[in-house]
Amino acid sequence: MTPTSKRRHLKVLPEWFDLMKYERAAVLDAEGWNFQIAIRSTCFDHLCVMRSPKPYLTEWDGPILKALQTLRSNPFAAFNSPPFDHVAFSWCYETPVAAVRSMTRSDLYNIDLAVRLGFTPVEAKLYHELVTDESPLAIVSVVNFAE
């Protein structure tokens, strides 16, 4: 990579981004990483809801946007402190940390088999259509249909 191409690449980073803010990542354990990922997942999911044709839980918009703003200045969400103490993030505190390992073909086969055995042919066709549609609205539909 030439110095010129490196500079061009770095220009795409937002002005608020600073790699030094992420030094604490080196000391996060599995539970800490799980919480940080859950917070970001919640923000992403709600942003998709906000952009959907029929948004819901609009009372969460402010706290989610405040959380994203807070993560820009401090990329590590703090347990039970504003804005991460809002009800929108409540599930982040209850998510168990599972052991992490690489998935094998056997794992994928067992997951596929369990899913196929649990659905009628009509349900399997519907879920296949919903899962292969990459739009956020389809993702929300899968969640709502499962409830």
C-alpha atoms as a PDB file:
ATOM      1  CA  MET A   1       0.000   0.000   0.000  1.00  0.00           C
ATOM      2  CA  THR A   2       1.414   3.346  -0.987  1.00  0.00           C
ATOM      3  CA  PRO A   3       1.317   6.311   1.421  1.00  0.00           C
ATOM      4  CA  THR A   4      -1.208   8.017  -0.853  1.00  0.00           C
ATOM      5  CA  SER A   5      -3.621   5.072  -0.915  1.00  0.00           C
ATOM      6  CA  LYS A   6      -3.266   4.693   2.853  1.00  0.00           C
ATOM      7  CA  ARG A   7      -4.255   8.326   3.373  1.00  0.00           C
ATOM      8  CA  ARG A   8      -7.260   7.929   1.076  1.00  0.00           C
ATOM      9  CA  HIS A   9      -8.355   4.878   3.047  1.00  0.00           C
ATOM     10  CA  LEU A  10      -8.087   6.714   6.363  1.00  0.00           C
ATOM     11  CA  LYS A  11     -10.219   9.592   5.093  1.00  0.00           C
ATOM     12  CA  VAL A  12     -13.304   7.359   5.186  1.00  0.00           C
ATOM     13  CA  LEU A  13     -13.126   7.136   8.987  1.00  0.00           C
ATOM     14  CA  PRO A  14     -15.471   9.479  10.820  1.00  0.00           C
ATOM     15  CA  GLU A  15     -13.851  12.440  12.570  1.00  0.00           C
ATOM     16  CA  TRP A  16     -14.970  11.188  15.997  1.00  0.00           C
ATOM     17  CA  PHE A  17     -13.178   7.835  15.586  1.00  0.00           C
ATOM     18  CA  ASP A  18      -9.992   7.407  17.616  1.00  0.00           C
ATOM     19  CA  LEU A  19      -8.321   4.002  17.845  1.00  0.00           C
ATOM     20  CA  MET A  20      -6.797   4.932  21.208  1.00  0.00           C
ATOM     21  CA  LYS A  21     -10.290   4.883  22.732  1.00  0.00           C
ATOM     22  CA  TYR A  22     -10.346   1.116  22.196  1.00  0.00           C
ATOM     23  CA  GLU A  23      -7.337   0.218  24.376  1.00  0.00           C
ATOM     24  CA  ARG A  24      -9.654  -1.190  27.063  1.00  0.00           C
ATOM     25  CA  ALA A  25     -10.717  -3.895  24.608  1.00  0.00           C
ATOM     26  CA  ALA A  26      -7.559  -5.815  25.461  1.00  0.00           C
ATOM     27  CA  VAL A  27      -8.824  -6.492  28.989  1.00  0.00           C
ATOM     28  CA  LEU A  28     -12.441  -7.426  28.218  1.00  0.00           C
ATOM     29  CA  ASP A  29     -13.426 -10.941  29.193  1.00  0.00           C
ATOM     30  CA  ALA A  30     -16.160 -12.995  27.478  1.00  0.00           C
ATOM     31  CA  GLU A  31     -18.908 -11.393  29.565  1.00  0.00           C
ATOM     32  CA  GLY A  32     -17.596  -7.906  28.792  1.00  0.00           C
ATOM     33  CA  TRP A  33     -17.452  -8.590  25.058  1.00  0.00           C
ATOM     34  CA  ASN A  34     -20.912 -10.151  25.174  1.00  0.00           C
ATOM     35  CA  PHE A  35     -22.340  -7.017  26.807  1.00  0.00           C
ATOM     36  CA  GLN A  36     -20.634  -4.649  24.339  1.00  0.00           C
ATOM     37  CA  ILE A  37     -21.889  -6.677  21.367  1.00  0.00           C
ATOM     38  CA  ALA A  38     -25.415  -6.910  22.826  1.00  0.00           C
ATOM     39  CA  ILE A  39     -25.559  -3.116  23.255  1.00  0.00           C
ATOM     40  CA  ARG A  40     -24.511  -2.551  19.647  1.00  0.00           C
ATOM     41  CA  SER A  41     -26.889  -5.238  18.403  1.00  0.00           C
ATOM     42  CA  THR A  42     -29.768  -3.514  20.201  1.00  0.00           C
ATOM     43  CA  CYS A  43     -28.836  -0.173  18.634  1.00  0.00           C
ATOM     44  CA  PHE A  44     -28.579  -1.693  15.153  1.00  0.00           C
ATOM     45  CA  ASP A  45     -31.874  -3.561  15.470  1.00  0.00           C
ATOM     46  CA  HIS A  46     -33.704  -0.472  16.637  1.00  0.00           C
ATOM     47  CA  LEU A  47     -32.206   1.652  13.847  1.00  0.00           C
ATOM     48  CA  CYS A  48     -33.676  -0.880  11.409  1.00  0.00           C
ATOM     49  CA  VAL A  49     -37.056  -0.527  13.140  1.00  0.00           C
ATOM     50  CA  MET A  50     -36.793   3.271  12.944  1.00  0.00           C
ATOM     51  CA  ARG A  51     -36.219   3.068   9.170  1.00  0.00           C
ATOM     52  CA  SER A  52     -38.993   0.561   8.532  1.00  0.00           C
ATOM     53  CA  PRO A  53     -42.263   1.682   6.910  1.00  0.00           C
ATOM     54  CA  LYS A  54     -44.117   0.927  10.154  1.00  0.00           C
ATOM     55  CA  PRO A  55     -41.802   1.838  13.045  1.00  0.00           C
ATOM     56  CA  TYR A  56     -42.770   0.826  16.549  1.00  0.00           C
ATOM     57  CA  LEU A  57     -41.389   1.486  20.044  1.00  0.00           C
ATOM     58  CA  THR A  58     -40.768   5.066  18.977  1.00  0.00           C
ATOM     59  CA  GLU A  59     -40.310   5.967  22.646  1.00  0.00           C
ATOM     60  CA  TRP A  60     -36.969   4.118  22.424  1.00  0.00           C
ATOM     61  CA  ASP A  61     -35.654   6.309  19.579  1.00  0.00           C
ATOM     62  CA  GLY A  62     -34.203   8.982  21.887  1.00  0.00           C
ATOM     63  CA  PRO A  63     -32.381   6.602  24.257  1.00  0.00           C
ATOM     64  CA  ILE A  64     -30.995   4.552  21.354  1.00  0.00           C
ATOM     65  CA  LEU A  65     -29.695   7.658  19.573  1.00  0.00           C
ATOM     66  CA  LYS A  66     -28.246   8.931  22.874  1.00  0.00           C
ATOM     67  CA  ALA A  67     -26.493   5.574  23.362  1.00  0.00           C
ATOM     68  CA  LEU A  68     -24.948   5.775  19.897  1.00  0.00           C
ATOM     69  CA  GLN A  69     -23.751   9.318  20.601  1.00  0.00           C
ATOM     70  CA  THR A  70     -22.259   8.160  23.925  1.00  0.00           C
ATOM     71  CA  LEU A  71     -20.452   5.277  22.192  1.00  0.00           C
ATOM     72  CA  ARG A  72     -18.769   7.769  19.872  1.00  0.00           C
ATOM     73  CA  SER A  73     -17.069   9.525  22.779  1.00  0.00           C
ATOM     74  CA  ASN A  74     -16.549   6.377  24.877  1.00  0.00           C
ATOM     75  CA  PRO A  75     -16.838   3.129  22.899  1.00  0.00           C
ATOM     76  CA  PHE A  76     -17.357   1.033  26.029  1.00  0.00           C
ATOM     77  CA  ALA A  77     -20.888   0.874  27.370  1.00  0.00           C
ATOM     78  CA  ALA A  78     -20.949   0.912  31.163  1.00  0.00           C
ATOM     79  CA  PHE A  79     -23.174  -1.495  33.111  1.00  0.00           C
ATOM     80  CA  ASN A  80     -26.294   0.135  34.585  1.00  0.00           C
ATOM     81  CA  SER A  81     -25.322   3.699  33.717  1.00  0.00           C
ATOM     82  CA  PRO A  82     -27.145   6.174  31.476  1.00  0.00           C
ATOM     83  CA  PRO A  83     -28.101   5.789  28.703  1.00  0.00           C
ATOM     84  CA  PHE A  84     -27.502   2.032  28.884  1.00  0.00           C
ATOM     85  CA  ASP A  85     -29.814   1.639  31.878  1.00  0.00           C
ATOM     86  CA  HIS A  86     -32.899   2.296  29.698  1.00  0.00           C
ATOM     87  CA  VAL A  87     -35.446  -0.517  29.258  1.00  0.00           C
ATOM     88  CA  ALA A  88     -34.398  -0.822  25.587  1.00  0.00           C
ATOM     89  CA  PHE A  89     -31.138  -2.369  26.795  1.00  0.00           C
ATOM     90  CA  SER A  90     -32.608  -4.569  29.551  1.00  0.00           C
ATOM     91  CA  TRP A  91     -32.081  -7.816  27.655  1.00  0.00           C
ATOM     92  CA  CYS A  92     -28.345  -7.018  27.360  1.00  0.00           C
ATOM     93  CA  TYR A  93     -27.985  -7.685  31.075  1.00  0.00           C
ATOM     94  CA  GLU A  94     -29.672 -11.076  30.891  1.00  0.00           C
ATOM     95  CA  THR A  95     -27.906 -12.600  27.893  1.00  0.00           C
ATOM     96  CA  PRO A  96     -25.845 -15.604  29.008  1.00  0.00           C
ATOM     97  CA  VAL A  97     -22.293 -15.914  27.766  1.00  0.00           C
ATOM     98  CA  ALA A  98     -21.816 -19.142  25.859  1.00  0.00           C
ATOM     99  CA  ALA A  99     -18.535 -20.850  25.189  1.00  0.00           C
ATOM    100  CA  VAL A 100     -17.073 -19.822  21.859  1.00  0.00           C
ATOM    101  CA  ARG A 101     -15.682 -22.294  19.368  1.00  0.00           C
ATOM    102  CA  SER A 102     -15.621 -22.769  15.634  1.00  0.00           C
ATOM    103  CA  MET A 103     -18.726 -24.245  14.063  1.00  0.00           C
ATOM    104  CA  THR A 104     -18.316 -27.549  12.291  1.00  0.00           C
ATOM    105  CA  ARG A 105     -20.279 -29.033   9.416  1.00  0.00           C
ATOM    106  CA  SER A 106     -21.875 -31.327  11.957  1.00  0.00           C
ATOM    107  CA  ASP A 107     -23.091 -28.298  13.940  1.00  0.00           C
ATOM    108  CA  LEU A 108     -24.635 -26.780  10.817  1.00  0.00           C
ATOM    109  CA  TYR A 109     -26.253 -30.098   9.861  1.00  0.00           C
ATOM    110  CA  ASN A 110     -27.753 -30.515  13.352  1.00  0.00           C
ATOM    111  CA  ILE A 111     -29.106 -26.959  13.343  1.00  0.00           C
ATOM    112  CA  ASP A 112     -30.640 -27.454   9.886  1.00  0.00           C
ATOM    113  CA  LEU A 113     -32.144 -30.781  10.920  1.00  0.00           C
ATOM    114  CA  ALA A 114     -33.637 -29.368  14.125  1.00  0.00           C
ATOM    115  CA  VAL A 115     -35.170 -26.482  12.211  1.00  0.00           C
ATOM    116  CA  ARG A 116     -36.590 -28.698   9.470  1.00  0.00           C
ATOM    117  CA  LEU A 117     -38.146 -31.125  11.963  1.00  0.00           C
ATOM    118  CA  GLY A 118     -39.832 -28.300  13.864  1.00  0.00           C
ATOM    119  CA  PHE A 119     -41.749 -26.806  10.924  1.00  0.00           C
ATOM    120  CA  THR A 120     -44.543 -27.957   8.717  1.00  0.00           C
ATOM    121  CA  PRO A 121     -43.705 -27.796   4.997  1.00  0.00           C
ATOM    122  CA  VAL A 122     -45.738 -24.572   4.664  1.00  0.00           C
ATOM    123  CA  GLU A 123     -43.897 -22.964   7.608  1.00  0.00           C
ATOM    124  CA  ALA A 124     -40.538 -24.078   6.232  1.00  0.00           C
ATOM    125  CA  LYS A 125     -41.323 -22.452   2.875  1.00  0.00           C
ATOM    126  CA  LEU A 126     -42.435 -19.210   4.561  1.00  0.00           C
ATOM    127  CA  TYR A 127     -39.350 -19.034   6.785  1.00  0.00           C
ATOM    128  CA  HIS A 128     -37.095 -19.774   3.825  1.00  0.00           C
ATOM    129  CA  GLU A 129     -38.632 -16.847   1.930  1.00  0.00           C
ATOM    130  CA  LEU A 130     -38.298 -14.535   4.930  1.00  0.00           C
ATOM    131  CA  VAL A 131     -34.732 -15.541   5.758  1.00  0.00           C
ATOM    132  CA  THR A 132     -33.472 -15.178   2.204  1.00  0.00           C
ATOM    133  CA  ASP A 133     -34.934 -11.659   2.000  1.00  0.00           C
ATOM    134  CA  GLU A 134     -32.203  -9.368   3.372  1.00  0.00           C
ATOM    135  CA  SER A 135     -34.385  -6.342   4.081  1.00  0.00           C
ATOM    136  CA  PRO A 136     -34.685  -5.206   7.723  1.00  0.00           C
ATOM    137  CA  LEU A 137     -38.466  -5.441   7.463  1.00  0.00           C
ATOM    138  CA  ALA A 138     -38.180  -9.173   6.697  1.00  0.00           C
ATOM    139  CA  ILE A 139     -35.970  -9.635   9.753  1.00  0.00           C
ATOM    140  CA  VAL A 140     -38.543  -7.913  11.953  1.00  0.00           C
ATOM    141  CA  SER A 141     -41.256 -10.061  10.332  1.00  0.00           C
ATOM    142  CA  VAL A 142     -39.430 -13.257  11.285  1.00  0.00           C
ATOM    143  CA  VAL A 143     -39.192 -12.092  14.902  1.00  0.00           C
ATOM    144  CA  ASN A 144     -42.843 -11.042  15.033  1.00  0.00           C
ATOM    145  CA  PHE A 145     -44.032 -14.229  13.296  1.00  0.00           C
ATOM    146  CA  ALA A 146     -42.149 -16.397  15.801  1.00  0.00           C
ATOM    147  CA  GLU A 147     -43.856 -14.702  18.784  1.00  0.00           C
END
